[in-house]
Amino acid sequence: MNLSENVKKAFEAYIEGDKKKAFDLLIPGSEYHYYLTILDALKAEKHKVSKKTDDLIKEYLNKFG
């Protein structure tokens, strides 16, 4: 996988707990923005997938899957 420096920095920021910085480094609507959005939602929902998150996953798969 060949990630840009911004994507790498965004993932590092997310892992370090700086979600705002992570999302600011990514382009809204991009594959990696979707990925972190879904990951963050799943974390917040404690593995109970809401309809909103399920719809987001389907949208991601339609665009990038």
N, C-alpha and C. Protein backbone atom coordinates (compact mmCIF):
# COMPACT_ATOMS: atom_id res chain seq x y z
N MET A 1 0.85 -1.17 0.00
CA MET A 1 0.00 0.00 0.00
C MET A 1 0.90 1.23 0.00
N ASN A 2 0.63 2.14 -0.93
CA ASN A 2 1.42 3.35 -1.06
C ASN A 2 0.60 4.54 -0.57
N LEU A 3 0.87 4.98 0.65
CA LEU A 3 0.11 6.08 1.25
C LEU A 3 0.88 7.38 1.13
N SER A 4 0.16 8.46 0.89
CA SER A 4 0.79 9.78 0.86
C SER A 4 1.23 10.17 2.27
N GLU A 5 2.09 11.16 2.35
CA GLU A 5 2.55 11.63 3.65
C GLU A 5 1.39 12.17 4.49
N ASN A 6 0.44 12.86 3.86
CA ASN A 6 -0.71 13.38 4.60
C ASN A 6 -1.55 12.26 5.19
N VAL A 7 -1.75 11.20 4.43
CA VAL A 7 -2.54 10.07 4.93
C VAL A 7 -1.81 9.41 6.10
N LYS A 8 -0.51 9.22 5.96
CA LYS A 8 0.28 8.64 7.06
C LYS A 8 0.18 9.50 8.31
N LYS A 9 0.33 10.81 8.13
CA LYS A 9 0.24 11.74 9.27
C LYS A 9 -1.15 11.71 9.89
N ALA A 10 -2.17 11.60 9.05
CA ALA A 10 -3.54 11.53 9.55
C ALA A 10 -3.76 10.28 10.38
N PHE A 11 -3.28 9.14 9.90
CA PHE A 11 -3.42 7.89 10.66
C PHE A 11 -2.66 7.98 11.98
N GLU A 12 -1.45 8.54 11.94
CA GLU A 12 -0.67 8.70 13.17
C GLU A 12 -1.40 9.60 14.16
N ALA A 13 -1.95 10.70 13.68
CA ALA A 13 -2.68 11.62 14.56
C ALA A 13 -3.89 10.92 15.17
N TYR A 14 -4.59 10.13 14.37
CA TYR A 14 -5.77 9.41 14.88
C TYR A 14 -5.36 8.42 15.97
N ILE A 15 -4.30 7.69 15.72
CA ILE A 15 -3.81 6.71 16.70
C ILE A 15 -3.40 7.40 17.99
N GLU A 16 -2.82 8.59 17.86
CA GLU A 16 -2.38 9.34 19.04
C GLU A 16 -3.54 10.04 19.75
N GLY A 17 -4.74 9.94 19.18
CA GLY A 17 -5.92 10.51 19.82
C GLY A 17 -6.31 11.90 19.36
N ASP A 18 -5.64 12.42 18.35
CA ASP A 18 -5.95 13.75 17.84
C ASP A 18 -6.84 13.62 16.60
N LYS A 19 -8.12 13.36 16.83
CA LYS A 19 -9.05 13.13 15.72
C LYS A 19 -9.22 14.37 14.85
N LYS A 20 -9.26 15.55 15.46
CA LYS A 20 -9.43 16.77 14.67
C LYS A 20 -8.29 16.92 13.66
N LYS A 21 -7.07 16.76 14.12
CA LYS A 21 -5.92 16.88 13.22
C LYS A 21 -5.99 15.81 12.13
N ALA A 22 -6.36 14.60 12.52
CA ALA A 22 -6.44 13.49 11.56
C ALA A 22 -7.42 13.83 10.44
N PHE A 23 -8.61 14.27 10.81
CA PHE A 23 -9.62 14.57 9.80
C PHE A 23 -9.28 15.83 9.00
N ASP A 24 -8.61 16.78 9.63
CA ASP A 24 -8.19 17.99 8.91
C ASP A 24 -7.16 17.68 7.82
N LEU A 25 -6.38 16.62 8.00
CA LEU A 25 -5.36 16.26 7.02
C LEU A 25 -5.92 15.50 5.82
N LEU A 26 -7.16 15.03 5.95
CA LEU A 26 -7.75 14.23 4.88
C LEU A 26 -8.79 15.04 4.10
N ILE A 27 -8.94 14.69 2.84
CA ILE A 27 -9.92 15.35 1.98
C ILE A 27 -11.29 14.71 2.22
N PRO A 28 -12.29 15.51 2.65
CA PRO A 28 -13.62 14.94 2.84
C PRO A 28 -14.11 14.25 1.55
N GLY A 29 -14.66 13.05 1.73
CA GLY A 29 -15.13 12.28 0.58
C GLY A 29 -14.08 11.35 0.00
N SER A 30 -12.83 11.48 0.46
CA SER A 30 -11.78 10.59 -0.03
C SER A 30 -11.89 9.22 0.64
N GLU A 31 -11.25 8.25 0.05
CA GLU A 31 -11.30 6.89 0.59
C GLU A 31 -10.84 6.83 2.04
N TYR A 32 -9.75 7.52 2.36
CA TYR A 32 -9.20 7.44 3.71
C TYR A 32 -10.03 8.24 4.71
N HIS A 33 -10.68 9.30 4.26
CA HIS A 33 -11.58 10.04 5.13
C HIS A 33 -12.77 9.16 5.50
N TYR A 34 -13.33 8.47 4.50
CA TYR A 34 -14.41 7.52 4.77
C TYR A 34 -13.95 6.45 5.75
N TYR A 35 -12.76 5.91 5.49
CA TYR A 35 -12.23 4.82 6.33
C TYR A 35 -12.15 5.26 7.79
N LEU A 36 -11.54 6.42 8.05
CA LEU A 36 -11.43 6.87 9.44
C LEU A 36 -12.78 7.22 10.03
N THR A 37 -13.68 7.76 9.23
CA THR A 37 -15.02 8.07 9.72
C THR A 37 -15.75 6.80 10.16
N ILE A 38 -15.65 5.76 9.35
CA ILE A 38 -16.28 4.48 9.69
C ILE A 38 -15.62 3.87 10.92
N LEU A 39 -14.30 3.88 10.96
CA LEU A 39 -13.57 3.33 12.11
C LEU A 39 -13.97 4.06 13.39
N ASP A 40 -14.03 5.38 13.32
CA ASP A 40 -14.38 6.18 14.49
C ASP A 40 -15.81 5.89 14.94
N ALA A 41 -16.72 5.75 13.99
CA ALA A 41 -18.11 5.44 14.33
C ALA A 41 -18.23 4.07 14.98
N LEU A 42 -17.52 3.08 14.44
CA LEU A 42 -17.56 1.74 15.02
C LEU A 42 -16.99 1.74 16.44
N LYS A 43 -15.93 2.49 16.65
CA LYS A 43 -15.36 2.61 17.99
C LYS A 43 -16.36 3.22 18.96
N ALA A 44 -17.02 4.26 18.53
CA ALA A 44 -17.97 4.97 19.39
C ALA A 44 -19.21 4.13 19.67
N GLU A 45 -19.60 3.31 18.72
CA GLU A 45 -20.81 2.50 18.87
C GLU A 45 -20.56 1.19 19.60
N LYS A 46 -19.35 0.96 19.98
CA LYS A 46 -18.99 -0.27 20.73
C LYS A 46 -19.47 -1.53 20.02
N HIS A 47 -19.21 -1.58 18.74
CA HIS A 47 -19.50 -2.74 17.90
C HIS A 47 -20.99 -3.00 17.65
N LYS A 48 -21.84 -2.05 18.00
CA LYS A 48 -23.25 -2.11 17.63
C LYS A 48 -23.43 -1.15 16.47
N VAL A 49 -23.53 -1.66 15.29
CA VAL A 49 -23.55 -0.82 14.10
C VAL A 49 -24.92 -0.15 13.93
N SER A 50 -24.91 1.18 13.93
CA SER A 50 -26.15 1.92 13.73
C SER A 50 -26.50 1.94 12.24
N LYS A 51 -27.71 2.32 11.94
CA LYS A 51 -28.13 2.42 10.54
C LYS A 51 -27.28 3.44 9.81
N LYS A 52 -26.97 4.56 10.47
CA LYS A 52 -26.14 5.60 9.85
C LYS A 52 -24.77 5.05 9.46
N THR A 53 -24.15 4.30 10.35
CA THR A 53 -22.84 3.72 10.05
C THR A 53 -22.96 2.65 8.98
N ASP A 54 -24.00 1.85 9.05
CA ASP A 54 -24.22 0.83 8.03
C ASP A 54 -24.37 1.48 6.65
N ASP A 55 -25.11 2.58 6.58
CA ASP A 55 -25.26 3.31 5.31
C ASP A 55 -23.92 3.88 4.84
N LEU A 56 -23.11 4.37 5.78
CA LEU A 56 -21.80 4.90 5.43
C LEU A 56 -20.89 3.80 4.88
N ILE A 57 -20.95 2.62 5.46
CA ILE A 57 -20.16 1.48 4.97
C ILE A 57 -20.60 1.11 3.56
N LYS A 58 -21.90 1.07 3.32
CA LYS A 58 -22.41 0.75 1.98
C LYS A 58 -21.96 1.80 0.96
N GLU A 59 -22.02 3.07 1.36
CA GLU A 59 -21.59 4.15 0.48
C GLU A 59 -20.10 4.02 0.15
N TYR A 60 -19.30 3.70 1.17
CA TYR A 60 -17.87 3.48 0.98
C TYR A 60 -17.62 2.35 -0.02
N LEU A 61 -18.31 1.24 0.17
CA LEU A 61 -18.12 0.10 -0.72
C LEU A 61 -18.54 0.41 -2.16
N ASN A 62 -19.60 1.19 -2.31
CA ASN A 62 -20.03 1.59 -3.66
C ASN A 62 -19.00 2.47 -4.34
N LYS A 63 -18.36 3.35 -3.56
CA LYS A 63 -17.38 4.26 -4.14
C LYS A 63 -16.00 3.64 -4.33
N PHE A 64 -15.57 2.84 -3.37
CA PHE A 64 -14.18 2.39 -3.34
C PHE A 64 -14.00 0.88 -3.35
N GLY A 65 -15.10 0.14 -3.17
CA GLY A 65 -15.00 -1.30 -2.96
C GLY A 65 -14.95 -2.08 -4.19
